[in-house]
Amino acid sequence: MNNVPSLFVIAAPSGAGKTTLVKALVDRNPSFKFSISYTTRKQRSTEEHGRDYFFVTPEEFEILRERGELLESALVFDNHYGTSRSQVEDHLAEGNHVILEIDWQGAQQVRKSMPGCTTIFVLPPSRPELERRLRGRQTDSDDVIARRLSDALGDMSHWDEFDYVIINDELEHAVTELEAVIAGDGGENRVNHPRLEQRVKNILV
């Protein structure tokens, strides 16, 4: 495993299983630090403030942004999300790998401000599986699911802006691939790998 403290940016469309994948990675590698995002989204019953997100009002979020306290911020599905700059910098200074779980818009901003980061995009194995996962949450109406699916397909078009791609078909395998990328051994997951490119094209058809 690479011992140099590094920033890894992981993005994905809604329903790709990014959160589950990141949590499994951190569970297996407790020394990794997961950066907790701010969001104006309503807190779900299964979520805990300070563990899953820092839930703030739109006004509080704007103050954070105006003060320059956000490394990145984005509007996703009518809600604001942002990453604490100081949280990331503190974790790196302490000698830890840092994992950011954000969207492609935020990833673009982080690449500009911290060009040494490694960016990873997570994809579902197919469009039907993406829809199944979105419906399986049982937290959204059919209209919301339809919009999330439409937005997700748009997000997926940005896959080739990233350094690596993980296709999250089977969780254990996806975590192993993610660990290989972090260790610097994920050659087959590089965005320009011919076999990977073909797999992604099949998903996006």
Protein backbone atom coordinates (compact mmCIF):
# COMPACT_ATOMS: atom_id res chain seq x y z
CA MET A 1 0.00 0.00 0.00
CA ASN A 2 1.23 3.49 -0.88
CA ASN A 3 2.34 5.12 2.38
CA VAL A 4 2.51 8.70 1.05
CA PRO A 5 -0.56 10.59 2.34
CA SER A 6 -2.76 11.09 -0.71
CA LEU A 7 -6.18 12.42 -1.62
CA PHE A 8 -8.52 10.07 -3.47
CA VAL A 9 -11.64 11.55 -5.04
CA ILE A 10 -14.44 9.04 -5.67
CA ALA A 11 -17.47 10.09 -7.70
CA ALA A 12 -20.43 8.22 -9.15
CA PRO A 13 -23.97 8.64 -10.42
CA SER A 14 -26.76 8.18 -7.88
CA GLY A 15 -27.44 4.46 -7.43
CA ALA A 16 -24.01 3.19 -8.42
CA GLY A 17 -23.28 2.08 -4.85
CA LYS A 18 -20.52 4.61 -4.18
CA THR A 19 -21.39 5.13 -0.50
CA THR A 20 -21.53 1.39 0.23
CA LEU A 21 -18.24 0.89 -1.60
CA VAL A 22 -16.45 3.69 0.27
CA LYS A 23 -17.73 2.50 3.65
CA ALA A 24 -16.53 -1.03 2.91
CA LEU A 25 -13.13 0.34 1.91
CA VAL A 26 -12.77 2.38 5.12
CA ASP A 27 -13.98 -0.56 7.24
CA ARG A 28 -11.20 -2.70 5.77
CA ASN A 29 -8.63 0.10 6.03
CA PRO A 30 -9.31 1.99 9.29
CA SER A 31 -6.33 4.28 8.76
CA PHE A 32 -8.06 5.86 5.76
CA LYS A 33 -9.92 9.04 6.62
CA PHE A 34 -13.32 9.64 5.06
CA SER A 35 -14.07 13.32 4.54
CA ILE A 36 -17.61 14.06 5.72
CA SER A 37 -19.43 16.45 3.39
CA TYR A 38 -21.74 19.30 4.23
CA THR A 39 -25.18 19.13 2.65
CA THR A 40 -28.43 21.06 2.64
CA ARG A 41 -30.30 17.85 1.82
CA LYS A 42 -32.91 16.64 4.27
CA GLN A 43 -31.54 14.05 6.69
CA ARG A 44 -32.80 10.49 6.09
CA SER A 45 -33.97 8.34 8.98
CA THR A 46 -30.94 6.04 8.63
CA GLU A 47 -28.42 8.88 8.64
CA GLU A 48 -26.56 10.50 11.51
CA HIS A 49 -25.33 14.09 11.62
CA GLY A 50 -21.53 14.10 11.75
CA ARG A 51 -21.25 10.50 10.60
CA ASP A 52 -22.87 10.47 7.15
CA TYR A 53 -23.03 14.23 6.49
CA PHE A 54 -22.98 17.54 8.26
CA PHE A 55 -26.56 18.68 7.67
CA VAL A 56 -26.79 22.46 7.40
CA THR A 57 -29.28 25.07 6.21
CA PRO A 58 -28.82 26.78 2.83
CA GLU A 59 -27.87 29.94 4.71
CA GLU A 60 -25.20 28.14 6.75
CA PHE A 61 -23.86 26.53 3.58
CA GLU A 62 -23.54 29.88 1.83
CA ILE A 63 -21.59 31.30 4.78
CA LEU A 64 -19.13 28.38 4.58
CA ARG A 65 -18.68 28.98 0.86
CA GLU A 66 -18.21 32.74 1.24
CA ARG A 67 -15.55 32.19 3.91
CA GLY A 68 -13.59 29.93 1.58
CA GLU A 69 -14.03 26.98 3.89
CA LEU A 70 -15.14 24.61 1.12
CA LEU A 71 -12.63 22.78 -1.05
CA GLU A 72 -15.44 22.15 -3.53
CA SER A 73 -19.18 22.59 -3.70
CA ALA A 74 -21.92 21.54 -6.10
CA LEU A 75 -25.67 21.66 -6.58
CA VAL A 76 -26.93 18.10 -6.95
CA PHE A 77 -30.61 17.29 -7.34
CA ASP A 78 -31.63 20.69 -5.88
CA ASN A 79 -29.37 20.31 -2.83
CA HIS A 80 -25.95 21.78 -2.08
CA TYR A 81 -22.99 19.59 -1.15
CA GLY A 82 -19.51 20.68 -0.13
CA THR A 83 -16.20 19.45 1.29
CA SER A 84 -14.43 21.03 4.26
CA ARG A 85 -11.02 22.28 3.13
CA SER A 86 -9.56 22.23 6.65
CA GLN A 87 -10.80 18.69 7.31
CA VAL A 88 -8.98 17.37 4.23
CA GLU A 89 -5.80 19.34 4.92
CA ASP A 90 -5.71 18.21 8.56
CA HIS A 91 -6.10 14.52 7.67
CA LEU A 92 -3.30 14.75 5.08
CA ALA A 93 -1.03 16.61 7.52
CA GLU A 94 -1.56 13.80 10.03
CA GLY A 95 -0.19 11.32 7.47
CA ASN A 96 -3.48 9.73 6.41
CA HIS A 97 -4.95 8.84 3.04
CA VAL A 98 -8.14 10.85 2.56
CA ILE A 99 -11.22 9.64 0.68
CA LEU A 100 -13.62 12.20 -0.80
CA GLU A 101 -17.03 10.90 -1.85
CA ILE A 102 -18.42 13.62 -4.09
CA ASP A 103 -19.99 14.14 -7.52
CA TRP A 104 -18.29 14.82 -10.86
CA GLN A 105 -18.79 18.59 -10.54
CA GLY A 106 -16.94 18.64 -7.23
CA ALA A 107 -14.24 16.37 -8.65
CA GLN A 108 -13.52 18.94 -11.35
CA GLN A 109 -13.00 21.63 -8.71
CA VAL A 110 -10.74 19.44 -6.55
CA ARG A 111 -8.57 18.56 -9.55
CA LYS A 112 -7.96 22.27 -10.12
CA SER A 113 -7.14 23.12 -6.49
CA MET A 114 -5.29 19.89 -5.65
CA PRO A 115 -3.94 18.52 -8.96
CA GLY A 116 -2.01 15.75 -7.21
CA CYS A 117 -5.21 13.95 -6.24
CA THR A 118 -6.28 10.64 -7.76
CA THR A 119 -9.80 10.60 -9.21
CA ILE A 120 -11.95 7.46 -9.43
CA PHE A 121 -15.38 7.10 -11.03
CA VAL A 122 -17.76 4.32 -9.98
CA LEU A 123 -20.25 2.91 -12.47
CA PRO A 124 -23.12 0.43 -12.11
CA PRO A 125 -22.82 -2.76 -14.20
CA SER A 126 -25.81 -1.80 -16.37
CA ARG A 127 -28.66 0.68 -16.73
CA PRO A 128 -31.31 -1.83 -15.56
CA GLU A 129 -29.25 -2.56 -12.43
CA LEU A 130 -28.93 1.17 -11.79
CA GLU A 131 -32.70 1.56 -11.87
CA ARG A 132 -33.15 -1.50 -9.65
CA ARG A 133 -30.83 -0.02 -7.03
CA LEU A 134 -32.58 3.34 -7.11
CA ARG A 135 -35.97 1.68 -6.61
CA GLY A 136 -34.55 -0.61 -3.94
CA ARG A 137 -33.92 2.34 -1.63
CA GLN A 138 -37.70 2.70 -1.20
CA THR A 139 -37.24 6.32 -0.13
CA ASP A 140 -38.33 8.12 -3.31
CA SER A 141 -41.49 8.44 -5.41
CA ASP A 142 -41.62 7.21 -9.02
CA ASP A 143 -41.22 10.78 -10.26
CA VAL A 144 -38.12 11.32 -8.13
CA ILE A 145 -36.65 7.99 -9.24
CA ALA A 146 -37.24 8.92 -12.89
CA ARG A 147 -35.40 12.19 -12.38
CA ARG A 148 -32.57 10.54 -10.46
CA LEU A 149 -32.19 8.01 -13.27
CA SER A 150 -32.11 10.76 -15.89
CA ASP A 151 -29.55 12.76 -13.89
CA ALA A 152 -27.47 9.62 -13.31
CA LEU A 153 -27.26 8.90 -17.03
CA GLY A 154 -26.02 12.44 -17.58
CA ASP A 155 -23.44 12.05 -14.80
CA MET A 156 -22.15 8.83 -16.35
CA SER A 157 -21.11 10.72 -19.48
CA HIS A 158 -18.27 12.29 -17.45
CA TRP A 159 -16.56 8.96 -16.72
CA ASP A 160 -13.60 9.67 -19.01
CA GLU A 161 -12.61 12.81 -17.02
CA PHE A 162 -11.31 10.55 -14.24
CA ASP A 163 -8.04 8.65 -13.74
CA TYR A 164 -9.68 5.30 -12.94
CA VAL A 165 -13.08 3.61 -13.28
CA ILE A 166 -14.52 0.93 -10.99
CA ILE A 167 -17.56 -1.01 -12.23
CA ASN A 168 -19.46 -1.89 -9.08
CA ASP A 169 -21.04 -5.20 -10.00
CA GLU A 170 -20.06 -7.34 -7.00
CA LEU A 171 -19.11 -5.38 -3.88
CA GLU A 172 -16.18 -7.51 -2.69
CA HIS A 173 -14.57 -7.45 -6.12
CA ALA A 174 -15.14 -3.69 -6.46
CA VAL A 175 -13.51 -3.04 -3.06
CA THR A 176 -10.51 -5.16 -4.06
CA GLU A 177 -10.16 -3.19 -7.30
CA LEU A 178 -10.42 0.08 -5.38
CA GLU A 179 -7.72 -1.02 -2.95
CA ALA A 180 -5.48 -1.90 -5.92
CA VAL A 181 -5.98 1.57 -7.38
CA ILE A 182 -5.07 3.19 -4.07
CA ALA A 183 -1.98 0.98 -3.85
CA GLY A 184 -0.95 2.11 -7.34
CA ASP A 185 -1.61 -1.30 -8.91
CA GLY A 186 -4.93 -0.66 -10.69
CA GLY A 187 -3.70 -0.68 -14.27
CA GLU A 188 -6.74 -2.50 -15.64
CA ASN A 189 -8.98 0.17 -14.13
CA ARG A 190 -7.19 3.07 -15.79
CA VAL A 191 -9.63 5.10 -17.82
CA ASN A 192 -7.70 4.52 -21.06
CA HIS A 193 -7.41 0.73 -20.70
CA PRO A 194 -8.95 -0.75 -23.91
CA ARG A 195 -10.88 -3.52 -22.15
CA LEU A 196 -12.29 -1.09 -19.60
CA GLU A 197 -13.28 1.38 -22.31
CA GLN A 198 -15.30 -1.33 -24.06
CA ARG A 199 -17.04 -2.37 -20.83
CA VAL A 200 -18.02 1.24 -20.14
CA LYS A 201 -19.34 1.73 -23.67
CA ASN A 202 -21.53 -1.36 -23.24
CA ILE A 203 -23.01 0.14 -20.06
CA LEU A 204 -23.68 3.49 -21.68
CA VAL A 205 -25.38 2.09 -24.79
